[in-house]
Amino acid sequence: MADDRISLVFAALADPTRRAILTRLTEGDATVAELAEPFDMSQPAVSRHLKVLERAGLISRTRRATARLSHLEAGPLREVTTWLARYQRFWDESHERLDELLAALQGDRAHDDRNGTDRR
């Protein structure tokens, strides 16, 4: 089930408009009209983006009087970050092995230079 949610989150984040909406929501809750303001698109188009974000669990929507407010829900981003962290460890370990190999090769080269050996 978690993998399905991660897929929904990645799909939602794949669109730059939705990422911009999430960035705006870090400043606080907003109406559809407020979220549509910086974009050259209709409020119904923004509402469709909001539905994708809501389905992914990245936002929740509530009513306050006549306004419908969108609120950032950061929990799914934490799940994605945790999932990605496994790959960060993989790359860190790979870079460490590469650093060790380069240091060993440079050490061999320095040793050869001191002894007048040409390894070409």
PDB file of N, CA and C in Angstrom:
ATOM      1  N   MET A   1       0.825  -1.203   0.000  1.00  0.00           N
ATOM      2  CA  MET A   1       0.000   0.000   0.000  1.00  0.00           C
ATOM      3  C   MET A   1       0.867   1.265   0.000  1.00  0.00           C
ATOM      4  N   ALA A   2       1.951   1.234   0.783  1.00  0.00           N
ATOM      5  CA  ALA A   2       2.828   2.408   0.841  1.00  0.00           C
ATOM      6  C   ALA A   2       3.436   2.708  -0.520  1.00  0.00           C
ATOM      7  N   ASP A   3       3.789   1.632  -1.280  1.00  0.00           N
ATOM      8  CA  ASP A   3       4.359   1.842  -2.606  1.00  0.00           C
ATOM      9  C   ASP A   3       3.358   2.518  -3.527  1.00  0.00           C
ATOM     10  N   ASP A   4       2.074   2.154  -3.398  1.00  0.00           N
ATOM     11  CA  ASP A   4       1.053   2.801  -4.218  1.00  0.00           C
ATOM     12  C   ASP A   4       0.965   4.286  -3.877  1.00  0.00           C
ATOM     13  N   ARG A   5       1.052   4.618  -2.588  1.00  0.00           N
ATOM     14  CA  ARG A   5       0.991   6.026  -2.195  1.00  0.00           C
ATOM     15  C   ARG A   5       2.216   6.774  -2.706  1.00  0.00           C
ATOM     16  N   ILE A   6       3.369   6.133  -2.623  1.00  0.00           N
ATOM     17  CA  ILE A   6       4.587   6.762  -3.149  1.00  0.00           C
ATOM     18  C   ILE A   6       4.442   7.025  -4.644  1.00  0.00           C
ATOM     19  N   SER A   7       3.844   6.093  -5.368  1.00  0.00           N
ATOM     20  CA  SER A   7       3.619   6.294  -6.806  1.00  0.00           C
ATOM     21  C   SER A   7       2.705   7.481  -7.045  1.00  0.00           C
ATOM     22  N   LEU A   8       1.651   7.601  -6.237  1.00  0.00           N
ATOM     23  CA  LEU A   8       0.746   8.746  -6.370  1.00  0.00           C
ATOM     24  C   LEU A   8       1.469  10.058  -6.081  1.00  0.00           C
ATOM     25  N   VAL A   9       2.337  10.042  -5.067  1.00  0.00           N
ATOM     26  CA  VAL A   9       3.084  11.256  -4.715  1.00  0.00           C
ATOM     27  C   VAL A   9       4.033  11.644  -5.846  1.00  0.00           C
ATOM     28  N   PHE A  10       4.787  10.676  -6.366  1.00  0.00           N
ATOM     29  CA  PHE A  10       5.693  10.982  -7.472  1.00  0.00           C
ATOM     30  C   PHE A  10       4.923  11.493  -8.690  1.00  0.00           C
ATOM     31  N   ALA A  11       3.789  10.879  -8.982  1.00  0.00           N
ATOM     32  CA  ALA A  11       2.981  11.335 -10.120  1.00  0.00           C
ATOM     33  C   ALA A  11       2.497  12.766  -9.898  1.00  0.00           C
ATOM     34  N   ALA A  12       2.092  13.074  -8.672  1.00  0.00           N
ATOM     35  CA  ALA A  12       1.635  14.433  -8.370  1.00  0.00           C
ATOM     36  C   ALA A  12       2.786  15.427  -8.475  1.00  0.00           C
ATOM     37  N   LEU A  13       3.964  15.039  -8.020  1.00  0.00           N
ATOM     38  CA  LEU A  13       5.123  15.935  -8.039  1.00  0.00           C
ATOM     39  C   LEU A  13       5.729  16.087  -9.430  1.00  0.00           C
ATOM     40  N   ALA A  14       5.324  15.243 -10.364  1.00  0.00           N
ATOM     41  CA  ALA A  14       5.885  15.301 -11.710  1.00  0.00           C
ATOM     42  C   ALA A  14       5.497  16.567 -12.466  1.00  0.00           C
ATOM     43  N   ASP A  15       4.457  17.229 -12.009  1.00  0.00           N
ATOM     44  CA  ASP A  15       3.972  18.421 -12.710  1.00  0.00           C
ATOM     45  C   ASP A  15       4.479  19.690 -12.024  1.00  0.00           C
ATOM     46  N   PRO A  16       5.099  20.611 -12.761  1.00  0.00           N
ATOM     47  CA  PRO A  16       5.646  21.829 -12.152  1.00  0.00           C
ATOM     48  C   PRO A  16       4.566  22.729 -11.530  1.00  0.00           C
ATOM     49  N   THR A  17       3.373  22.727 -12.093  1.00  0.00           N
ATOM     50  CA  THR A  17       2.296  23.541 -11.510  1.00  0.00           C
ATOM     51  C   THR A  17       1.941  23.022 -10.125  1.00  0.00           C
ATOM     52  N   ARG A  18       1.841  21.702  -9.995  1.00  0.00           N
ATOM     53  CA  ARG A  18       1.506  21.131  -8.686  1.00  0.00           C
ATOM     54  C   ARG A  18       2.624  21.364  -7.679  1.00  0.00           C
ATOM     55  N   ARG A  19       3.873  21.298  -8.139  1.00  0.00           N
ATOM     56  CA  ARG A  19       4.979  21.598  -7.211  1.00  0.00           C
ATOM     57  C   ARG A  19       4.913  23.056  -6.764  1.00  0.00           C
ATOM     58  N   ALA A  20       4.568  23.961  -7.678  1.00  0.00           N
ATOM     59  CA  ALA A  20       4.439  25.379  -7.326  1.00  0.00           C
ATOM     60  C   ALA A  20       3.291  25.585  -6.340  1.00  0.00           C
ATOM     61  N   ILE A  21       2.210  24.864  -6.523  1.00  0.00           N
ATOM     62  CA  ILE A  21       1.084  24.964  -5.586  1.00  0.00           C
ATOM     63  C   ILE A  21       1.522  24.508  -4.196  1.00  0.00           C
ATOM     64  N   LEU A  22       2.246  23.403  -4.125  1.00  0.00           N
ATOM     65  CA  LEU A  22       2.730  22.932  -2.824  1.00  0.00           C
ATOM     66  C   LEU A  22       3.658  23.955  -2.179  1.00  0.00           C
ATOM     67  N   THR A  23       4.521  24.546  -2.984  1.00  0.00           N
ATOM     68  CA  THR A  23       5.423  25.580  -2.458  1.00  0.00           C
ATOM     69  C   THR A  23       4.618  26.740  -1.896  1.00  0.00           C
ATOM     70  N   ARG A  24       3.595  27.164  -2.609  1.00  0.00           N
ATOM     71  CA  ARG A  24       2.732  28.252  -2.118  1.00  0.00           C
ATOM     72  C   ARG A  24       2.056  27.865  -0.807  1.00  0.00           C
ATOM     73  N   LEU A  25       1.636  26.607  -0.684  1.00  0.00           N
ATOM     74  CA  LEU A  25       0.936  26.171   0.531  1.00  0.00           C
ATOM     75  C   LEU A  25       1.854  26.076   1.751  1.00  0.00           C
ATOM     76  N   THR A  26       3.173  26.127   1.545  1.00  0.00           N
ATOM     77  CA  THR A  26       4.075  26.174   2.699  1.00  0.00           C
ATOM     78  C   THR A  26       3.926  27.497   3.447  1.00  0.00           C
ATOM     79  N   GLU A  27       3.371  28.493   2.763  1.00  0.00           N
ATOM     80  CA  GLU A  27       3.143  29.808   3.381  1.00  0.00           C
ATOM     81  C   GLU A  27       1.826  29.869   4.139  1.00  0.00           C
ATOM     82  N   GLY A  28       0.960  28.876   3.935  1.00  0.00           N
ATOM     83  CA  GLY A  28      -0.323  28.843   4.622  1.00  0.00           C
ATOM     84  C   GLY A  28      -1.437  28.406   3.697  1.00  0.00           C
ATOM     85  N   ASP A  29      -2.591  28.141   4.285  1.00  0.00           N
ATOM     86  CA  ASP A  29      -3.759  27.691   3.529  1.00  0.00           C
ATOM     87  C   ASP A  29      -4.163  28.740   2.493  1.00  0.00           C
ATOM     88  N   ALA A  30      -4.792  28.270   1.420  1.00  0.00           N
ATOM     89  CA  ALA A  30      -5.172  29.189   0.341  1.00  0.00           C
ATOM     90  C   ALA A  30      -6.422  28.681  -0.369  1.00  0.00           C
ATOM     91  N   THR A  31      -7.149  29.619  -0.937  1.00  0.00           N
ATOM     92  CA  THR A  31      -8.325  29.290  -1.750  1.00  0.00           C
ATOM     93  C   THR A  31      -7.874  28.953  -3.171  1.00  0.00           C
ATOM     94  N   VAL A  32      -8.777  28.397  -3.953  1.00  0.00           N
ATOM     95  CA  VAL A  32      -8.480  28.097  -5.354  1.00  0.00           C
ATOM     96  C   VAL A  32      -8.111  29.380  -6.096  1.00  0.00           C
ATOM     97  N   ALA A  33      -8.835  30.448  -5.829  1.00  0.00           N
ATOM     98  CA  ALA A  33      -8.550  31.724  -6.501  1.00  0.00           C
ATOM     99  C   ALA A  33      -7.137  32.206  -6.165  1.00  0.00           C
ATOM    100  N   GLU A  34      -6.743  32.100  -4.912  1.00  0.00           N
ATOM    101  CA  GLU A  34      -5.389  32.518  -4.508  1.00  0.00           C
ATOM    102  C   GLU A  34      -4.332  31.635  -5.164  1.00  0.00           C
ATOM    103  N   LEU A  35      -4.613  30.343  -5.257  1.00  0.00           N
ATOM    104  CA  LEU A  35      -3.648  29.426  -5.872  1.00  0.00           C
ATOM    105  C   LEU A  35      -3.571  29.618  -7.379  1.00  0.00           C
ATOM    106  N   ALA A  36      -4.684  30.024  -7.996  1.00  0.00           N
ATOM    107  CA  ALA A  36      -4.714  30.212  -9.456  1.00  0.00           C
ATOM    108  C   ALA A  36      -4.041  31.504  -9.887  1.00  0.00           C
ATOM    109  N   GLU A  37      -3.931  32.460  -8.979  1.00  0.00           N
ATOM    110  CA  GLU A  37      -3.450  33.804  -9.315  1.00  0.00           C
ATOM    111  C   GLU A  37      -2.152  33.848 -10.125  1.00  0.00           C
ATOM    112  N   PRO A  38      -1.092  33.138  -9.721  1.00  0.00           N
ATOM    113  CA  PRO A  38       0.166  33.274 -10.479  1.00  0.00           C
ATOM    114  C   PRO A  38       0.203  32.506 -11.795  1.00  0.00           C
ATOM    115  N   PHE A  39      -0.823  31.710 -12.083  1.00  0.00           N
ATOM    116  CA  PHE A  39      -0.807  30.863 -13.275  1.00  0.00           C
ATOM    117  C   PHE A  39      -1.713  31.420 -14.364  1.00  0.00           C
ATOM    118  N   ASP A  40      -1.364  31.111 -15.587  1.00  0.00           N
ATOM    119  CA  ASP A  40      -2.189  31.485 -16.726  1.00  0.00           C
ATOM    120  C   ASP A  40      -3.131  30.317 -17.026  1.00  0.00           C
ATOM    121  N   MET A  41      -4.031  30.060 -16.060  1.00  0.00           N
ATOM    122  CA  MET A  41      -5.001  28.982 -16.225  1.00  0.00           C
ATOM    123  C   MET A  41      -6.243  29.301 -15.413  1.00  0.00           C
ATOM    124  N   SER A  42      -7.300  28.627 -15.735  1.00  0.00           N
ATOM    125  CA  SER A  42      -8.580  28.872 -15.068  1.00  0.00           C
ATOM    126  C   SER A  42      -8.607  28.231 -13.683  1.00  0.00           C
ATOM    127  N   GLN A  43      -9.545  28.698 -12.867  1.00  0.00           N
ATOM    128  CA  GLN A  43      -9.716  28.089 -11.557  1.00  0.00           C
ATOM    129  C   GLN A  43     -10.110  26.618 -11.671  1.00  0.00           C
ATOM    130  N   PRO A  44     -10.972  26.240 -12.635  1.00  0.00           N
ATOM    131  CA  PRO A  44     -11.266  24.804 -12.772  1.00  0.00           C
ATOM    132  C   PRO A  44     -10.012  23.967 -13.093  1.00  0.00           C
ATOM    133  N   ALA A  45      -9.099  24.528 -13.874  1.00  0.00           N
ATOM    134  CA  ALA A  45      -7.857  23.811 -14.174  1.00  0.00           C
ATOM    135  C   ALA A  45      -7.026  23.637 -12.903  1.00  0.00           C
ATOM    136  N   VAL A  46      -6.960  24.678 -12.074  1.00  0.00           N
ATOM    137  CA  VAL A  46      -6.243  24.577 -10.806  1.00  0.00           C
ATOM    138  C   VAL A  46      -6.940  23.565  -9.904  1.00  0.00           C
ATOM    139  N   SER A  47      -8.253  23.549  -9.915  1.00  0.00           N
ATOM    140  CA  SER A  47      -9.012  22.577  -9.108  1.00  0.00           C
ATOM    141  C   SER A  47      -8.666  21.144  -9.505  1.00  0.00           C
ATOM    142  N   ARG A  48      -8.452  20.909 -10.796  1.00  0.00           N
ATOM    143  CA  ARG A  48      -8.055  19.564 -11.234  1.00  0.00           C
ATOM    144  C   ARG A  48      -6.683  19.200 -10.668  1.00  0.00           C
ATOM    145  N   HIS A  49      -5.761  20.156 -10.642  1.00  0.00           N
ATOM    146  CA  HIS A  49      -4.450  19.911 -10.025  1.00  0.00           C
ATOM    147  C   HIS A  49      -4.619  19.616  -8.533  1.00  0.00           C
ATOM    148  N   LEU A  50      -5.493  20.354  -7.889  1.00  0.00           N
ATOM    149  CA  LEU A  50      -5.728  20.140  -6.456  1.00  0.00           C
ATOM    150  C   LEU A  50      -6.281  18.743  -6.180  1.00  0.00           C
ATOM    151  N   LYS A  51      -7.110  18.255  -7.069  1.00  0.00           N
ATOM    152  CA  LYS A  51      -7.655  16.895  -6.892  1.00  0.00           C
ATOM    153  C   LYS A  51      -6.544  15.855  -6.956  1.00  0.00           C
ATOM    154  N   VAL A  52      -5.587  16.044  -7.851  1.00  0.00           N
ATOM    155  CA  VAL A  52      -4.446  15.128  -7.950  1.00  0.00           C
ATOM    156  C   VAL A  52      -3.636  15.187  -6.657  1.00  0.00           C
ATOM    157  N   LEU A  53      -3.377  16.383  -6.168  1.00  0.00           N
ATOM    158  CA  LEU A  53      -2.619  16.542  -4.927  1.00  0.00           C
ATOM    159  C   LEU A  53      -3.365  15.935  -3.744  1.00  0.00           C
ATOM    160  N   GLU A  54      -4.672  16.102  -3.725  1.00  0.00           N
ATOM    161  CA  GLU A  54      -5.484  15.555  -2.633  1.00  0.00           C
ATOM    162  C   GLU A  54      -5.488  14.022  -2.694  1.00  0.00           C
ATOM    163  N   ARG A  55      -5.624  13.457  -3.876  1.00  0.00           N
ATOM    164  CA  ARG A  55      -5.607  12.001  -4.043  1.00  0.00           C
ATOM    165  C   ARG A  55      -4.275  11.413  -3.557  1.00  0.00           C
ATOM    166  N   ALA A  56      -3.181  12.152  -3.757  1.00  0.00           N
ATOM    167  CA  ALA A  56      -1.863  11.704  -3.314  1.00  0.00           C
ATOM    168  C   ALA A  56      -1.652  11.933  -1.825  1.00  0.00           C
ATOM    169  N   GLY A  57      -2.591  12.605  -1.172  1.00  0.00           N
ATOM    170  CA  GLY A  57      -2.472  12.873   0.260  1.00  0.00           C
ATOM    171  C   GLY A  57      -1.599  14.070   0.586  1.00  0.00           C
ATOM    172  N   LEU A  58      -1.223  14.849  -0.440  1.00  0.00           N
ATOM    173  CA  LEU A  58      -0.325  15.983  -0.235  1.00  0.00           C
ATOM    174  C   LEU A  58      -1.045  17.236   0.246  1.00  0.00           C
ATOM    175  N   ILE A  59      -2.352  17.288   0.046  1.00  0.00           N
ATOM    176  CA  ILE A  59      -3.141  18.404   0.571  1.00  0.00           C
ATOM    177  C   ILE A  59      -4.443  17.856   1.146  1.00  0.00           C
ATOM    178  N   SER A  60      -5.036  18.643   2.023  1.00  0.00           N
ATOM    179  CA  SER A  60      -6.403  18.393   2.462  1.00  0.00           C
ATOM    180  C   SER A  60      -7.189  19.656   2.151  1.00  0.00           C
ATOM    181  N   ARG A  61      -8.503  19.509   2.047  1.00  0.00           N
ATOM    182  CA  ARG A  61      -9.330  20.665   1.705  1.00  0.00           C
ATOM    183  C   ARG A  61     -10.453  20.771   2.727  1.00  0.00           C
ATOM    184  N   THR A  62     -10.678  21.995   3.199  1.00  0.00           N
ATOM    185  CA  THR A  62     -11.726  22.247   4.186  1.00  0.00           C
ATOM    186  C   THR A  62     -12.519  23.475   3.764  1.00  0.00           C
ATOM    187  N   ARG A  63     -13.677  23.600   4.354  1.00  0.00           N
ATOM    188  CA  ARG A  63     -14.514  24.782   4.100  1.00  0.00           C
ATOM    189  C   ARG A  63     -14.404  25.725   5.291  1.00  0.00           C
ATOM    190  N   ARG A  64     -14.257  26.992   4.968  1.00  0.00           N
ATOM    191  CA  ARG A  64     -14.318  28.046   5.979  1.00  0.00           C
ATOM    192  C   ARG A  64     -15.283  29.082   5.428  1.00  0.00           C
ATOM    193  N   ALA A  65     -16.453  29.127   5.998  1.00  0.00           N
ATOM    194  CA  ALA A  65     -17.554  29.962   5.489  1.00  0.00           C
ATOM    195  C   ALA A  65     -17.839  29.533   4.053  1.00  0.00           C
ATOM    196  N   THR A  66     -17.701  30.433   3.100  1.00  0.00           N
ATOM    197  CA  THR A  66     -17.968  30.069   1.701  1.00  0.00           C
ATOM    198  C   THR A  66     -16.699  29.674   0.951  1.00  0.00           C
ATOM    199  N   ALA A  67     -15.558  29.827   1.589  1.00  0.00           N
ATOM    200  CA  ALA A  67     -14.284  29.528   0.930  1.00  0.00           C
ATOM    201  C   ALA A  67     -13.892  28.072   1.171  1.00  0.00           C
ATOM    202  N   ARG A  68     -13.297  27.488   0.159  1.00  0.00           N
ATOM    203  CA  ARG A  68     -12.738  26.145   0.291  1.00  0.00           C
ATOM    204  C   ARG A  68     -11.222  26.295   0.297  1.00  0.00           C
ATOM    205  N   LEU A  69     -10.619  25.946   1.440  1.00  0.00           N
ATOM    206  CA  LEU A  69      -9.185  26.147   1.618  1.00  0.00           C
ATOM    207  C   LEU A  69      -8.408  24.855   1.398  1.00  0.00           C
ATOM    208  N   SER A  70      -7.249  24.989   0.791  1.00  0.00           N
ATOM    209  CA  SER A  70      -6.322  23.869   0.624  1.00  0.00           C
ATOM    210  C   SER A  70      -5.227  24.014   1.669  1.00  0.00           C
ATOM    211  N   HIS A  71      -4.837  22.873   2.243  1.00  0.00           N
ATOM    212  CA  HIS A  71      -3.843  22.842   3.318  1.00  0.00           C
ATOM    213  C   HIS A  71      -2.787  21.797   2.965  1.00  0.00           C
ATOM    214  N   LEU A  72      -1.515  22.156   3.122  1.00  0.00           N
ATOM    215  CA  LEU A  72      -0.407  21.236   2.847  1.00  0.00           C
ATOM    216  C   LEU A  72      -0.387  20.119   3.882  1.00  0.00           C
ATOM    217  N   GLU A  73      -0.259  18.901   3.401  1.00  0.00           N
ATOM    218  CA  GLU A  73      -0.076  17.719   4.254  1.00  0.00           C
ATOM    219  C   GLU A  73       1.286  17.133   3.897  1.00  0.00           C
ATOM    220  N   ALA A  74       2.266  17.329   4.748  1.00  0.00           N
ATOM    221  CA  ALA A  74       3.645  16.979   4.410  1.00  0.00           C
ATOM    222  C   ALA A  74       4.001  15.520   4.688  1.00  0.00           C
ATOM    223  N   GLY A  75       3.138  14.773   5.361  1.00  0.00           N
ATOM    224  CA  GLY A  75       3.436  13.378   5.692  1.00  0.00           C
ATOM    225  C   GLY A  75       3.876  12.530   4.516  1.00  0.00           C
ATOM    226  N   PRO A  76       3.162  12.561   3.399  1.00  0.00           N
ATOM    227  CA  PRO A  76       3.597  11.749   2.254  1.00  0.00           C
ATOM    228  C   PRO A  76       4.977  12.138   1.727  1.00  0.00           C
ATOM    229  N   LEU A  77       5.348  13.392   1.870  1.00  0.00           N
ATOM    230  CA  LEU A  77       6.695  13.804   1.444  1.00  0.00           C
ATOM    231  C   LEU A  77       7.759  13.149   2.327  1.00  0.00           C
ATOM    232  N   ARG A  78       7.435  12.967   3.606  1.00  0.00           N
ATOM    233  CA  ARG A  78       8.362  12.289   4.516  1.00  0.00           C
ATOM    234  C   ARG A  78       8.537  10.833   4.081  1.00  0.00           C
ATOM    235  N   GLU A  79       7.440  10.178   3.685  1.00  0.00           N
ATOM    236  CA  GLU A  79       7.525   8.796   3.206  1.00  0.00           C
ATOM    237  C   GLU A  79       8.420   8.690   1.977  1.00  0.00           C
ATOM    238  N   VAL A  80       8.267   9.626   1.050  1.00  0.00           N
ATOM    239  CA  VAL A  80       9.091   9.626  -0.164  1.00  0.00           C
ATOM    240  C   VAL A  80      10.550   9.889   0.196  1.00  0.00           C
ATOM    241  N   THR A  81      10.783  10.804   1.111  1.00  0.00           N
ATOM    242  CA  THR A  81      12.147  11.110   1.545  1.00  0.00           C
ATOM    243  C   THR A  81      12.801   9.882   2.175  1.00  0.00           C
ATOM    244  N   THR A  82      12.052   9.166   2.991  1.00  0.00           N
ATOM    245  CA  THR A  82      12.569   7.943   3.609  1.00  0.00           C
ATOM    246  C   THR A  82      12.905   6.913   2.533  1.00  0.00           C
ATOM    247  N   TRP A  83      12.029   6.772   1.553  1.00  0.00           N
ATOM    248  CA  TRP A  83      12.271   5.835   0.459  1.00  0.00           C
ATOM    249  C   TRP A  83      13.527   6.226  -0.316  1.00  0.00           C
ATOM    250  N   LEU A  84      13.668   7.513  -0.608  1.00  0.00           N
ATOM    251  CA  LEU A  84      14.835   7.995  -1.357  1.00  0.00           C
ATOM    252  C   LEU A  84      16.126   7.888  -0.543  1.00  0.00           C
ATOM    253  N   ALA A  85      16.031   7.949   0.783  1.00  0.00           N
ATOM    254  CA  ALA A  85      17.221   7.903   1.637  1.00  0.00           C
ATOM    255  C   ALA A  85      17.997   6.610   1.435  1.00  0.00           C
ATOM    256  N   ARG A  86      17.292   5.519   1.129  1.00  0.00           N
ATOM    257  CA  ARG A  86      17.993   4.256   0.858  1.00  0.00           C
ATOM    258  C   ARG A  86      18.946   4.419  -0.318  1.00  0.00           C
ATOM    259  N   TYR A  87      18.517   5.134  -1.313  1.00  0.00           N
ATOM    260  CA  TYR A  87      19.356   5.333  -2.488  1.00  0.00           C
ATOM    261  C   TYR A  87      20.460   6.332  -2.210  1.00  0.00           C
ATOM    262  N   GLN A  88      20.231   7.269  -1.336  1.00  0.00           N
ATOM    263  CA  GLN A  88      21.290   8.206  -0.922  1.00  0.00           C
ATOM    264  C   GLN A  88      22.425   7.423  -0.265  1.00  0.00           C
ATOM    265  N   ARG A  89      22.075   6.469   0.598  1.00  0.00           N
ATOM    266  CA  ARG A  89      23.101   5.638   1.241  1.00  0.00           C
ATOM    267  C   ARG A  89      23.882   4.851   0.185  1.00  0.00           C
ATOM    268  N   PHE A  90      23.173   4.326  -0.807  1.00  0.00           N
ATOM    269  CA  PHE A  90      23.835   3.587  -1.882  1.00  0.00           C
ATOM    270  C   PHE A  90      24.863   4.471  -2.588  1.00  0.00           C
ATOM    271  N   TRP A  91      24.458   5.699  -2.952  1.00  0.00           N
ATOM    272  CA  TRP A  91      25.376   6.591  -3.657  1.00  0.00           C
ATOM    273  C   TRP A  91      26.516   7.037  -2.756  1.00  0.00           C
ATOM    274  N   ASP A  92      26.229   7.285  -1.485  1.00  0.00           N
ATOM    275  CA  ASP A  92      27.296   7.663  -0.560  1.00  0.00           C
ATOM    276  C   ASP A  92      28.344   6.559  -0.454  1.00  0.00           C
ATOM    277  N   GLU A  93      27.873   5.318  -0.333  1.00  0.00           N
ATOM    278  CA  GLU A  93      28.809   4.194  -0.249  1.00  0.00           C
ATOM    279  C   GLU A  93      29.587   4.028  -1.550  1.00  0.00           C
ATOM    280  N   SER A  94      28.929   4.214  -2.673  1.00  0.00           N
ATOM    281  CA  SER A  94      29.613   4.119  -3.962  1.00  0.00           C
ATOM    282  C   SER A  94      30.679   5.197  -4.095  1.00  0.00           C
ATOM    283  N   HIS A  95      30.365   6.409  -3.676  1.00  0.00           N
ATOM    284  CA  HIS A  95      31.342   7.499  -3.740  1.00  0.00           C
ATOM    285  C   HIS A  95      32.510   7.251  -2.786  1.00  0.00           C
ATOM    286  N   GLU A  96      32.228   6.680  -1.618  1.00  0.00           N
ATOM    287  CA  GLU A  96      33.309   6.359  -0.679  1.00  0.00           C
ATOM    288  C   GLU A  96      34.262   5.331  -1.294  1.00  0.00           C
ATOM    289  N   ARG A  97      33.698   4.293  -1.933  1.00  0.00           N
ATOM    290  CA  ARG A  97      34.553   3.284  -2.582  1.00  0.00           C
ATOM    291  C   ARG A  97      35.383   3.913  -3.701  1.00  0.00           C
ATOM    292  N   LEU A  98      34.768   4.804  -4.463  1.00  0.00           N
ATOM    293  CA  LEU A  98      35.494   5.480  -5.529  1.00  0.00           C
ATOM    294  C   LEU A  98      36.606   6.355  -4.955  1.00  0.00           C
ATOM    295  N   ASP A  99      36.325   7.074  -3.877  1.00  0.00           N
ATOM    296  CA  ASP A  99      37.351   7.900  -3.228  1.00  0.00           C
ATOM    297  C   ASP A  99      38.520   7.036  -2.753  1.00  0.00           C
ATOM    298  N   GLU A 100      38.193   5.882  -2.178  1.00  0.00           N
ATOM    299  CA  GLU A 100      39.253   4.980  -1.706  1.00  0.00           C
ATOM    300  C   GLU A 100      40.092   4.470  -2.871  1.00  0.00           C
ATOM    301  N   LEU A 101      39.450   4.113  -3.978  1.00  0.00           N
ATOM    302  CA  LEU A 101      40.167   3.645  -5.158  1.00  0.00           C
ATOM    303  C   LEU A 101      41.059   4.747  -5.714  1.00  0.00           C
ATOM    304  N   LEU A 102      40.523   5.960  -5.824  1.00  0.00           N
ATOM    305  CA  LEU A 102      41.333   7.071  -6.335  1.00  0.00           C
ATOM    306  C   LEU A 102      42.518   7.363  -5.421  1.00  0.00           C
ATOM    307  N   ALA A 103      42.301   7.313  -4.125  1.00  0.00           N
ATOM    308  CA  ALA A 103      43.401   7.548  -3.180  1.00  0.00           C
ATOM    309  C   ALA A 103      44.464   6.467  -3.339  1.00  0.00           C
ATOM    310  N   ALA A 104      44.050   5.224  -3.513  1.00  0.00           N
ATOM    311  CA  ALA A 104      45.009   4.132  -3.692  1.00  0.00           C
ATOM    312  C   ALA A 104      45.780   4.317  -4.993  1.00  0.00           C
ATOM    313  N   LEU A 105      45.089   4.684  -6.064  1.00  0.00           N
ATOM    314  CA  LEU A 105      45.767   4.902  -7.342  1.00  0.00           C
ATOM    315  C   LEU A 105      46.740   6.069  -7.269  1.00  0.00           C
ATOM    316  N   GLN A 106      46.341   7.142  -6.592  1.00  0.00           N
ATOM    317  CA  GLN A 106      47.234   8.288  -6.436  1.00  0.00           C
ATOM    318  C   GLN A 106      48.427   7.924  -5.576  1.00  0.00           C
ATOM    319  N   GLY A 107      48.206   7.085  -4.568  1.00  0.00           N
ATOM    320  CA  GLY A 107      49.311   6.619  -3.724  1.00  0.00           C
ATOM    321  C   GLY A 107      50.290   5.783  -4.513  1.00  0.00           C
ATOM    322  N   ASP A 108      49.776   4.899  -5.376  1.00  0.00           N
ATOM    323  CA  ASP A 108      50.643   4.088  -6.235  1.00  0.00           C
ATOM    324  C   ASP A 108      51.439   4.971  -7.177  1.00  0.00           C
ATOM    325  N   ARG A 109      50.791   5.976  -7.734  1.00  0.00           N
ATOM    326  CA  ARG A 109      51.458   6.879  -8.674  1.00  0.00           C
ATOM    327  C   ARG A 109      52.566   7.668  -7.968  1.00  0.00           C
ATOM    328  N   ALA A 110      52.263   8.160  -6.754  1.00  0.00           N
ATOM    329  CA  ALA A 110      53.275   8.909  -6.001  1.00  0.00           C
ATOM    330  C   ALA A 110      54.456   8.004  -5.680  1.00  0.00           C
ATOM    331  N   HIS A 111      54.178   6.745  -5.335  1.00  0.00           N
ATOM    332  CA  HIS A 111      55.240   5.788  -5.030  1.00  0.00           C
ATOM    333  C   HIS A 111      56.095   5.538  -6.267  1.00  0.00           C
ATOM    334  N   ASP A 112      55.447   5.373  -7.424  1.00  0.00           N
ATOM    335  CA  ASP A 112      56.171   5.143  -8.670  1.00  0.00           C
ATOM    336  C   ASP A 112      57.001   6.361  -9.052  1.00  0.00           C
ATOM    337  N   ASP A 113      56.465   7.563  -8.845  1.00  0.00           N
ATOM    338  CA  ASP A 113      57.189   8.791  -9.174  1.00  0.00           C
ATOM    339  C   ASP A 113      58.449   8.907  -8.319  1.00  0.00           C
ATOM    340  N   ARG A 114      58.341   8.550  -7.055  1.00  0.00           N
ATOM    341  CA  ARG A 114      59.504   8.625  -6.165  1.00  0.00           C
ATOM    342  C   ARG A 114      60.578   7.603  -6.562  1.00  0.00           C
ATOM    343  N   ASN A 115      60.160   6.465  -7.079  1.00  0.00           N
ATOM    344  CA  ASN A 115      61.097   5.400  -7.442  1.00  0.00           C
ATOM    345  C   ASN A 115      61.526   5.454  -8.900  1.00  0.00           C
ATOM    346  N   GLY A 116      61.007   6.424  -9.642  1.00  0.00           N
ATOM    347  CA  GLY A 116      61.387   6.589 -11.041  1.00  0.00           C
ATOM    348  C   GLY A 116      60.782   5.544 -11.969  1.00  0.00           C
ATOM    349  N   THR A 117      59.728   4.930 -11.532  1.00  0.00           N
ATOM    350  CA  THR A 117      59.062   3.915 -12.350  1.00  0.00           C
ATOM    351  C   THR A 117      57.981   4.572 -13.184  1.00  0.00           C
ATOM    352  N   ASP A 118      57.938   4.223 -14.452  1.00  0.00           N
ATOM    353  CA  ASP A 118      56.898   4.733 -15.327  1.00  0.00           C
ATOM    354  C   ASP A 118      55.887   3.612 -15.561  1.00  0.00           C
ATOM    355  N   ARG A 119      54.623   3.823 -15.154  1.00  0.00           N
ATOM    356  CA  ARG A 119      53.605   2.757 -15.232  1.00  0.00           C
ATOM    357  C   ARG A 119      52.779   2.856 -16.495  1.00  0.00           C
ATOM    358  N   ARG A 120      53.160   3.670 -17.439  1.00  0.00           N
ATOM    359  CA  ARG A 120      52.347   3.780 -18.664  1.00  0.00           C
ATOM    360  C   ARG A 120      52.518   2.615 -19.547  1.00  0.00           C
TER     361      ARG A 120
END
